[in-house]
Amino acid sequence: MDQISKREDQLRAARRRVYEIMEIGHGEDRASRVFDIFIVTLILLNVAAFVAETVPSLYAAYGPYFFVFELFSVAVFTIEYLLRLWTAVEMPFLKRLNPARARLYSATRPSLIIDLLAILPFYLSQFFALDLRVLRTLRLLRFLKLSRYSPAMHSLIRVVINERRALIGAGLLLFAAVLFASTGMYYLENEAQPDKFGSVPDSAWWAIATLTTVGYGDVAPITPIGRLFGSVVMVTGLCILALPVAIIATGFSQEVSRRDFVVTWSLMSRIPVFTELDARDVGHIMPLLHAHNFPPNFEVIAEGAAADAMYFVASGQVGLHAGEQAAYKTGDVIGAGPLFNHDVHPDAMITRTRCRLLKLHREDFHRLEVTHPNISARIREATAA
């Protein structure tokens, strides 16, 4: 029994270490940095290999090497995917679930779905007759794995998700414009050009090319009323296409202004206040956190400043501006007491090392108290303790 218990402890320790390397230690653990660099390099090499394989001369000369590299890449990405599922039970927010449910929940997260799509086409091709051209094209999905390591790509994906309702509305508006434009041109140009505007679907090609301001010129109205109608469609297209561009640009600007780095589950798991929350609660509070990078000797909180936010230390140390008092370290909370008491900060706080802090504004905390009182109550209890 002692040997079995010892082996189980060793297995748990190994699983915990793998979890730390793959999820927690980004930029701070040497093994994690090596792992991240290796995976990112392999992803970029896969994209380069895909592009090179489309050159007939290169594929004819190095086809077998491309195949061996593909086997190696699939093996690495498969092992990575399985290790992420294996270590999912180490995620604090999933510890309340049994191991099977924790791994199933982890497998449904967007990052794990992308990891699965990166390797699934290869295995499907072993059981089904897939067109090799389709298989090679699907390999480009591996490029999306960079979203795990690229803050900019991660932020852009978050913006698209957050603004999905507005983008769907803009898409419906564009669809309506295409429908009305193609229908109008069908009735106006059908008799003059039955070969080009013989039906609404035929006219839709002209409508799409015109509304998107591409204007290939292969199809164009020739009647005066048709040209007048086409002019109106052109101007309408400029206005409609500006909507999704403005929505994404505005959302991306707001996302960049409020975050210096990406807030992830693994980052939040460093903070004990959050480890008692489940996955759904984490999803509610994560968008409210403002992430900031601060250099050493940076004054985060001024003495006597109004307590308008609390800070969670994700990495680094923060101490008093003067004196040798113990510093706040990774996992600690700064400024919770004055915020709860509507007071001012009695002391200034300055970073002693390079720090990553998660900032929760008073307004967002009060909003959390109204919408999810259980989360705010846990934060109050944890910070009071």
Protein backbone atom coordinates (compact mmCIF):
# COMPACT_ATOMS: atom_id res chain seq x y z
CA MET A 1 0.00 0.00 0.00
CA ASP A 2 2.86 2.35 0.80
CA GLN A 3 4.39 1.74 -2.61
CA ILE A 4 1.06 2.35 -4.35
CA SER A 5 0.55 5.56 -2.36
CA LYS A 6 4.09 6.65 -3.14
CA ARG A 7 3.57 6.04 -6.86
CA GLU A 8 0.32 7.99 -6.78
CA ASP A 9 2.07 10.90 -5.09
CA GLN A 10 4.84 10.80 -7.68
CA LEU A 11 2.28 10.72 -10.46
CA ARG A 12 0.42 13.70 -9.01
CA ALA A 13 3.69 15.59 -8.57
CA ALA A 14 4.65 14.86 -12.18
CA ARG A 15 1.22 15.93 -13.40
CA ARG A 16 1.44 19.12 -11.38
CA ARG A 17 4.87 19.89 -12.80
CA VAL A 18 3.66 19.31 -16.37
CA TYR A 19 0.70 21.60 -15.66
CA GLU A 20 3.02 24.32 -14.37
CA ILE A 21 5.22 24.07 -17.46
CA MET A 22 2.36 24.12 -19.95
CA GLU A 23 -0.08 26.50 -18.28
CA ILE A 24 1.34 28.55 -15.41
CA GLY A 25 4.99 29.34 -15.98
CA HIS A 26 4.72 31.49 -19.11
CA GLY A 27 7.72 33.80 -19.10
CA GLU A 28 8.81 32.94 -15.55
CA ASP A 29 9.81 29.28 -15.60
CA ARG A 30 12.77 28.24 -17.76
CA ALA A 31 11.25 24.91 -18.75
CA SER A 32 8.02 26.69 -19.65
CA ARG A 33 9.87 29.22 -21.81
CA VAL A 34 11.63 26.41 -23.66
CA PHE A 35 8.31 24.62 -24.18
CA ASP A 36 6.58 27.76 -25.44
CA ILE A 37 9.40 28.60 -27.85
CA PHE A 38 9.45 25.04 -29.17
CA ILE A 39 5.70 24.91 -29.80
CA VAL A 40 5.57 28.38 -31.40
CA THR A 41 8.52 27.53 -33.65
CA LEU A 42 6.90 24.25 -34.67
CA ILE A 43 3.65 26.04 -35.54
CA LEU A 44 5.47 28.58 -37.71
CA LEU A 45 7.46 25.81 -39.41
CA ASN A 46 4.19 24.01 -40.17
CA VAL A 47 2.82 27.11 -41.89
CA ALA A 48 6.07 27.49 -43.84
CA ALA A 49 5.95 23.81 -44.84
CA PHE A 50 2.36 24.19 -46.07
CA VAL A 51 3.37 27.12 -48.26
CA ALA A 52 6.47 25.31 -49.57
CA GLU A 53 4.50 22.19 -50.48
CA THR A 54 2.37 24.21 -52.91
CA VAL A 55 5.50 24.88 -55.01
CA PRO A 56 5.66 21.90 -57.44
CA SER A 57 9.46 21.90 -57.70
CA LEU A 58 9.95 21.92 -53.93
CA TYR A 59 7.36 19.22 -53.36
CA ALA A 60 8.90 17.01 -56.06
CA ALA A 61 12.37 17.39 -54.53
CA TYR A 62 11.52 17.27 -50.81
CA GLY A 63 8.14 15.49 -50.67
CA PRO A 64 9.34 12.65 -48.39
CA TYR A 65 10.90 15.17 -45.99
CA PHE A 66 7.64 17.12 -45.84
CA PHE A 67 5.82 13.90 -44.98
CA VAL A 68 8.27 13.01 -42.19
CA PHE A 69 7.98 16.54 -40.77
CA GLU A 70 4.19 16.21 -40.87
CA LEU A 71 4.35 12.95 -38.90
CA PHE A 72 6.66 14.56 -36.35
CA SER A 73 4.40 17.61 -36.00
CA VAL A 74 1.25 15.53 -35.56
CA ALA A 75 2.98 13.41 -32.93
CA VAL A 76 4.11 16.49 -30.97
CA PHE A 77 0.74 18.23 -31.19
CA THR A 78 -1.06 15.02 -30.20
CA ILE A 79 1.14 14.56 -27.14
CA GLU A 80 0.59 18.23 -26.26
CA TYR A 81 -3.19 17.86 -26.56
CA LEU A 82 -3.26 14.70 -24.43
CA LEU A 83 -1.03 16.28 -21.78
CA ARG A 84 -3.34 19.30 -21.55
CA LEU A 85 -6.30 16.98 -21.00
CA TRP A 86 -4.33 14.92 -18.47
CA THR A 87 -3.37 17.99 -16.44
CA ALA A 88 -6.83 19.59 -16.59
CA VAL A 89 -7.61 18.23 -13.13
CA GLU A 90 -4.86 20.50 -11.75
CA MET A 91 -6.82 23.58 -12.77
CA PRO A 92 -8.15 25.05 -9.47
CA PHE A 93 -11.47 26.06 -11.03
CA LEU A 94 -12.15 22.45 -12.11
CA LYS A 95 -11.09 20.66 -8.92
CA ARG A 96 -14.67 20.48 -7.68
CA LEU A 97 -15.53 18.27 -10.64
CA ASN A 98 -14.58 14.63 -10.91
CA PRO A 99 -11.58 13.98 -13.21
CA ALA A 100 -13.70 12.84 -16.17
CA ARG A 101 -15.98 15.89 -16.07
CA ALA A 102 -13.03 18.22 -15.52
CA ARG A 103 -11.28 16.88 -18.60
CA LEU A 104 -14.49 16.99 -20.63
CA TYR A 105 -15.08 20.60 -19.63
CA SER A 106 -11.49 21.44 -20.51
CA ALA A 107 -11.86 19.75 -23.91
CA THR A 108 -14.77 22.05 -24.77
CA ARG A 109 -12.76 25.23 -24.18
CA PRO A 110 -11.90 27.14 -27.40
CA SER A 111 -8.13 26.69 -26.99
CA LEU A 112 -8.45 22.90 -26.66
CA ILE A 113 -10.88 22.74 -29.60
CA ILE A 114 -8.29 24.53 -31.75
CA ASP A 115 -5.65 22.06 -30.57
CA LEU A 116 -7.92 19.17 -31.56
CA LEU A 117 -8.67 20.64 -35.00
CA ALA A 118 -4.93 20.97 -35.58
CA ILE A 119 -4.46 17.19 -35.49
CA LEU A 120 -7.90 15.78 -36.32
CA PRO A 121 -7.63 16.04 -40.15
CA PHE A 122 -4.54 13.81 -40.17
CA TYR A 123 -6.26 11.03 -38.22
CA LEU A 124 -9.47 11.33 -40.24
CA SER A 125 -7.46 10.85 -43.41
CA GLN A 126 -6.33 7.45 -42.11
CA PHE A 127 -9.93 6.20 -41.96
CA PHE A 128 -11.66 8.20 -44.68
CA ALA A 129 -10.72 9.01 -48.27
CA LEU A 130 -10.04 12.73 -48.02
CA ASP A 131 -8.76 14.93 -50.81
CA LEU A 132 -5.09 15.64 -50.04
CA ARG A 133 -5.59 19.26 -51.06
CA VAL A 134 -8.34 19.62 -48.46
CA LEU A 135 -6.14 17.92 -45.88
CA ARG A 136 -3.26 20.31 -46.52
CA THR A 137 -5.57 23.30 -46.34
CA LEU A 138 -6.97 22.16 -42.99
CA ARG A 139 -3.42 22.10 -41.64
CA LEU A 140 -3.56 25.89 -41.66
CA LEU A 141 -5.80 25.58 -38.58
CA ARG A 142 -2.56 25.00 -36.67
CA PHE A 143 -1.82 28.67 -37.14
CA LEU A 144 -4.71 29.42 -34.76
CA LYS A 145 -2.75 27.67 -32.00
CA LEU A 146 -0.66 30.85 -31.84
CA SER A 147 -3.63 32.56 -30.18
CA ARG A 148 -2.54 30.82 -26.97
CA TYR A 149 0.82 32.62 -27.14
CA SER A 150 -0.05 35.83 -29.02
CA PRO A 151 -1.75 38.50 -26.87
CA ALA A 152 -2.76 40.48 -29.97
CA MET A 153 -4.47 37.51 -31.62
CA HIS A 154 -6.08 36.52 -28.33
CA SER A 155 -7.40 40.06 -27.88
CA LEU A 156 -8.76 40.14 -31.44
CA ILE A 157 -10.60 36.84 -30.91
CA ARG A 158 -12.00 38.18 -27.63
CA VAL A 159 -13.20 41.34 -29.39
CA VAL A 160 -14.99 39.32 -32.08
CA ILE A 161 -16.65 37.19 -29.39
CA ASN A 162 -17.67 40.19 -27.27
CA GLU A 163 -19.01 42.11 -30.26
CA ARG A 164 -20.69 39.13 -31.91
CA ARG A 165 -24.21 40.55 -31.55
CA ALA A 166 -23.26 43.83 -33.20
CA LEU A 167 -21.36 41.98 -35.92
CA ILE A 168 -24.33 39.68 -36.55
CA GLY A 169 -26.55 42.77 -36.86
CA ALA A 170 -24.14 44.32 -39.36
CA GLY A 171 -24.06 41.04 -41.29
CA LEU A 172 -27.85 40.92 -41.47
CA LEU A 173 -27.88 44.49 -42.71
CA LEU A 174 -25.37 43.60 -45.43
CA PHE A 175 -27.44 40.56 -46.42
CA ALA A 176 -30.55 42.73 -46.70
CA ALA A 177 -28.67 45.23 -48.85
CA VAL A 178 -27.47 42.44 -51.18
CA LEU A 179 -31.00 41.09 -51.45
CA PHE A 180 -32.58 44.45 -52.26
CA ALA A 181 -29.77 45.48 -54.64
CA SER A 182 -29.86 42.22 -56.60
CA THR A 183 -33.66 42.27 -56.77
CA GLY A 184 -33.76 45.89 -57.95
CA MET A 185 -31.09 45.35 -60.59
CA TYR A 186 -32.88 42.23 -61.81
CA TYR A 187 -36.02 44.19 -62.58
CA LEU A 188 -34.15 47.17 -64.06
CA GLU A 189 -31.62 45.32 -66.27
CA ASN A 190 -33.29 41.99 -67.02
CA GLU A 191 -34.61 42.99 -70.44
CA ALA A 192 -31.42 44.81 -71.50
CA GLN A 193 -29.00 42.10 -70.30
CA PRO A 194 -30.84 38.78 -69.78
CA ASP A 195 -27.55 36.86 -69.88
CA LYS A 196 -26.08 38.81 -66.95
CA PHE A 197 -29.17 39.77 -64.94
CA GLY A 198 -31.43 36.85 -65.83
CA SER A 199 -32.37 36.12 -62.22
CA VAL A 200 -31.95 37.44 -58.71
CA PRO A 201 -29.12 34.97 -57.97
CA ASP A 202 -27.31 36.09 -61.13
CA SER A 203 -27.74 39.71 -60.08
CA ALA A 204 -26.44 38.92 -56.58
CA TRP A 205 -22.88 38.62 -57.95
CA TRP A 206 -23.04 42.20 -59.20
CA ALA A 207 -24.65 43.34 -55.92
CA ILE A 208 -21.90 41.77 -53.79
CA ALA A 209 -19.09 43.11 -55.98
CA THR A 210 -20.64 46.59 -55.90
CA LEU A 211 -21.56 46.74 -52.20
CA THR A 212 -18.08 45.61 -51.21
CA THR A 213 -16.61 48.30 -53.53
CA VAL A 214 -14.59 45.65 -55.40
CA GLY A 215 -16.19 46.42 -58.75
CA TYR A 216 -14.68 43.82 -61.09
CA GLY A 217 -16.44 45.39 -64.05
CA ASP A 218 -17.38 42.06 -65.65
CA VAL A 219 -21.05 42.87 -65.02
CA ALA A 220 -22.37 46.44 -65.14
CA PRO A 221 -25.72 48.17 -65.78
CA ILE A 222 -26.18 49.86 -69.16
CA THR A 223 -29.59 51.51 -68.84
CA PRO A 224 -29.82 55.02 -67.35
CA ILE A 225 -32.11 53.95 -64.52
CA GLY A 226 -29.88 50.93 -63.85
CA ARG A 227 -26.80 53.13 -63.59
CA LEU A 228 -28.60 55.52 -61.25
CA PHE A 229 -29.66 52.61 -59.07
CA GLY A 230 -26.11 51.25 -59.16
CA SER A 231 -24.75 54.58 -57.93
CA VAL A 232 -27.07 54.45 -54.93
CA VAL A 233 -25.95 50.88 -54.21
CA MET A 234 -22.27 51.95 -54.31
CA VAL A 235 -22.79 54.70 -51.74
CA THR A 236 -24.89 52.38 -49.59
CA GLY A 237 -22.13 49.77 -49.68
CA LEU A 238 -19.59 52.24 -48.33
CA CYS A 239 -21.80 53.00 -45.35
CA ILE A 240 -22.73 49.40 -44.58
CA LEU A 241 -19.18 48.00 -44.83
CA ALA A 242 -17.94 50.69 -42.47
CA LEU A 243 -20.07 49.23 -39.66
CA PRO A 244 -18.21 45.94 -38.97
CA VAL A 245 -14.85 47.66 -39.46
CA ALA A 246 -15.80 50.34 -36.92
CA ILE A 247 -17.19 47.75 -34.48
CA ILE A 248 -14.01 45.65 -34.51
CA ALA A 249 -11.69 48.69 -34.47
CA THR A 250 -13.49 50.26 -31.52
CA GLY A 251 -13.63 47.00 -29.60
CA PHE A 252 -9.95 46.27 -30.24
CA SER A 253 -8.97 49.76 -29.14
CA GLN A 254 -10.92 49.36 -25.89
CA GLU A 255 -9.46 45.92 -25.29
CA VAL A 256 -5.89 47.13 -25.80
CA SER A 257 -6.40 50.20 -23.60
CA ARG A 258 -7.65 48.14 -20.66
CA ARG A 259 -5.19 45.24 -20.90
CA ASP A 260 -1.40 45.13 -21.12
CA PHE A 261 -1.46 41.33 -21.26
CA VAL A 262 -3.96 38.52 -21.63
CA VAL A 263 -5.80 37.30 -18.55
CA THR A 264 -6.00 33.52 -18.66
CA TRP A 265 -7.22 30.77 -16.35
CA SER A 266 -3.66 29.75 -15.55
CA LEU A 267 -2.82 33.34 -14.56
CA MET A 268 -5.87 33.66 -12.31
CA SER A 269 -5.09 30.32 -10.69
CA ARG A 270 -2.05 31.97 -9.06
CA ILE A 271 -4.37 34.11 -6.92
CA PRO A 272 -5.90 32.23 -3.94
CA VAL A 273 -8.94 34.54 -3.93
CA PHE A 274 -9.98 33.06 -7.28
CA THR A 275 -9.03 29.43 -6.74
CA GLU A 276 -12.20 28.80 -4.72
CA LEU A 277 -14.36 29.86 -7.67
CA ASP A 278 -15.65 27.43 -10.24
CA ALA A 279 -15.16 27.77 -13.99
CA ARG A 280 -18.44 29.61 -14.56
CA ASP A 281 -17.67 32.21 -11.88
CA VAL A 282 -14.22 32.77 -13.35
CA GLY A 283 -15.84 33.43 -16.71
CA HIS A 284 -17.99 36.16 -15.10
CA ILE A 285 -15.17 38.00 -13.35
CA MET A 286 -12.43 37.65 -15.97
CA PRO A 287 -13.80 40.34 -18.36
CA LEU A 288 -13.95 42.83 -15.47
CA LEU A 289 -10.24 42.61 -14.67
CA HIS A 290 -7.88 45.21 -16.12
CA ALA A 291 -4.43 43.69 -16.65
CA HIS A 292 -1.32 45.86 -16.26
CA ASN A 293 2.44 45.41 -16.50
CA PHE A 294 4.45 47.71 -14.23
CA PRO A 295 8.25 48.16 -14.12
CA PRO A 296 10.22 48.19 -10.85
CA ASN A 297 9.94 51.31 -8.65
CA PHE A 298 6.60 52.31 -10.15
CA GLU A 299 4.06 53.92 -7.84
CA VAL A 300 0.88 51.93 -8.24
CA ILE A 301 -1.08 53.67 -5.46
CA ALA A 302 -0.36 57.17 -4.20
CA GLU A 303 -0.56 57.96 -0.49
CA GLY A 304 -3.94 59.45 0.37
CA ALA A 305 -5.44 58.51 -2.99
CA ALA A 306 -9.09 57.55 -3.12
CA ALA A 307 -9.62 53.78 -3.06
CA ASP A 308 -11.26 53.36 -6.44
CA ALA A 309 -9.92 49.85 -7.15
CA MET A 310 -8.29 46.77 -5.68
CA TYR A 311 -5.27 45.01 -7.16
CA PHE A 312 -4.48 41.30 -7.39
CA VAL A 313 -0.76 40.51 -7.68
CA ALA A 314 -0.33 38.01 -10.52
CA SER A 315 3.47 38.15 -10.38
CA GLY A 316 6.19 40.23 -8.73
CA GLN A 317 6.34 42.10 -5.44
CA VAL A 318 4.75 45.37 -4.29
CA GLY A 319 5.71 47.15 -1.07
CA LEU A 320 5.25 50.37 0.82
CA HIS A 321 6.90 53.44 -0.63
CA ALA A 322 8.93 53.84 2.55
CA GLY A 323 10.01 51.36 5.18
CA GLU A 324 10.98 47.72 5.16
CA GLN A 325 7.57 46.18 5.66
CA ALA A 326 6.95 42.81 4.03
CA ALA A 327 6.06 43.13 0.40
CA TYR A 328 2.88 41.93 -1.24
CA LYS A 329 3.77 38.92 -3.38
CA THR A 330 2.10 36.77 -6.02
CA GLY A 331 -1.45 35.93 -4.99
CA ASP A 332 -1.94 38.82 -2.55
CA VAL A 333 -4.61 41.52 -2.77
CA ILE A 334 -3.87 45.24 -2.41
CA GLY A 335 -6.33 47.97 -1.52
CA ALA A 336 -9.36 45.82 -0.72
CA GLY A 337 -9.90 47.21 2.79
CA PRO A 338 -9.97 50.90 1.83
CA LEU A 339 -12.21 50.08 -1.14
CA PHE A 340 -14.76 48.22 0.99
CA ASN A 341 -14.71 51.00 3.61
CA HIS A 342 -14.91 53.82 1.02
CA ASP A 343 -11.68 55.17 2.49
CA VAL A 344 -8.39 56.48 1.13
CA HIS A 345 -5.14 54.55 0.88
CA PRO A 346 -3.07 55.30 4.00
CA ASP A 347 0.24 54.45 2.33
CA ALA A 348 1.76 54.58 -1.11
CA MET A 349 2.44 51.31 -2.89
CA ILE A 350 5.43 50.89 -5.18
CA THR A 351 6.56 47.91 -7.21
CA ARG A 352 9.80 46.31 -6.00
CA THR A 353 10.15 44.12 -9.07
CA ARG A 354 8.54 43.93 -12.46
CA CYS A 355 4.89 43.19 -11.69
CA ARG A 356 1.76 41.98 -13.37
CA LEU A 357 -1.35 43.23 -11.58
CA LEU A 358 -5.04 42.59 -12.16
CA LYS A 359 -7.10 45.67 -11.34
CA LEU A 360 -10.77 45.50 -10.36
CA HIS A 361 -12.46 48.90 -10.29
CA ARG A 362 -14.95 49.79 -7.58
CA GLU A 363 -17.76 50.19 -10.13
CA ASP A 364 -17.07 46.73 -11.55
CA PHE A 365 -17.00 45.20 -8.07
CA HIS A 366 -20.36 46.80 -7.22
CA ARG A 367 -21.72 45.50 -10.52
CA LEU A 368 -20.47 42.08 -9.50
CA GLU A 369 -22.28 42.40 -6.17
CA VAL A 370 -25.56 42.99 -8.00
CA THR A 371 -25.22 40.38 -10.74
CA HIS A 372 -23.21 37.68 -8.92
CA PRO A 373 -23.34 38.27 -5.15
CA ASN A 374 -21.79 34.87 -4.43
CA ILE A 375 -18.57 35.89 -6.21
CA SER A 376 -18.32 39.27 -4.49
CA ALA A 377 -19.03 37.64 -1.11
CA ARG A 378 -16.15 35.20 -1.61
CA ILE A 379 -13.83 38.05 -2.54
CA ARG A 380 -14.85 39.95 0.62
CA GLU A 381 -14.34 36.90 2.81
CA ALA A 382 -10.98 36.02 1.29
CA THR A 383 -9.58 39.54 1.49
CA ALA A 384 -10.85 39.97 5.05
CA ALA A 385 -9.08 36.76 6.09
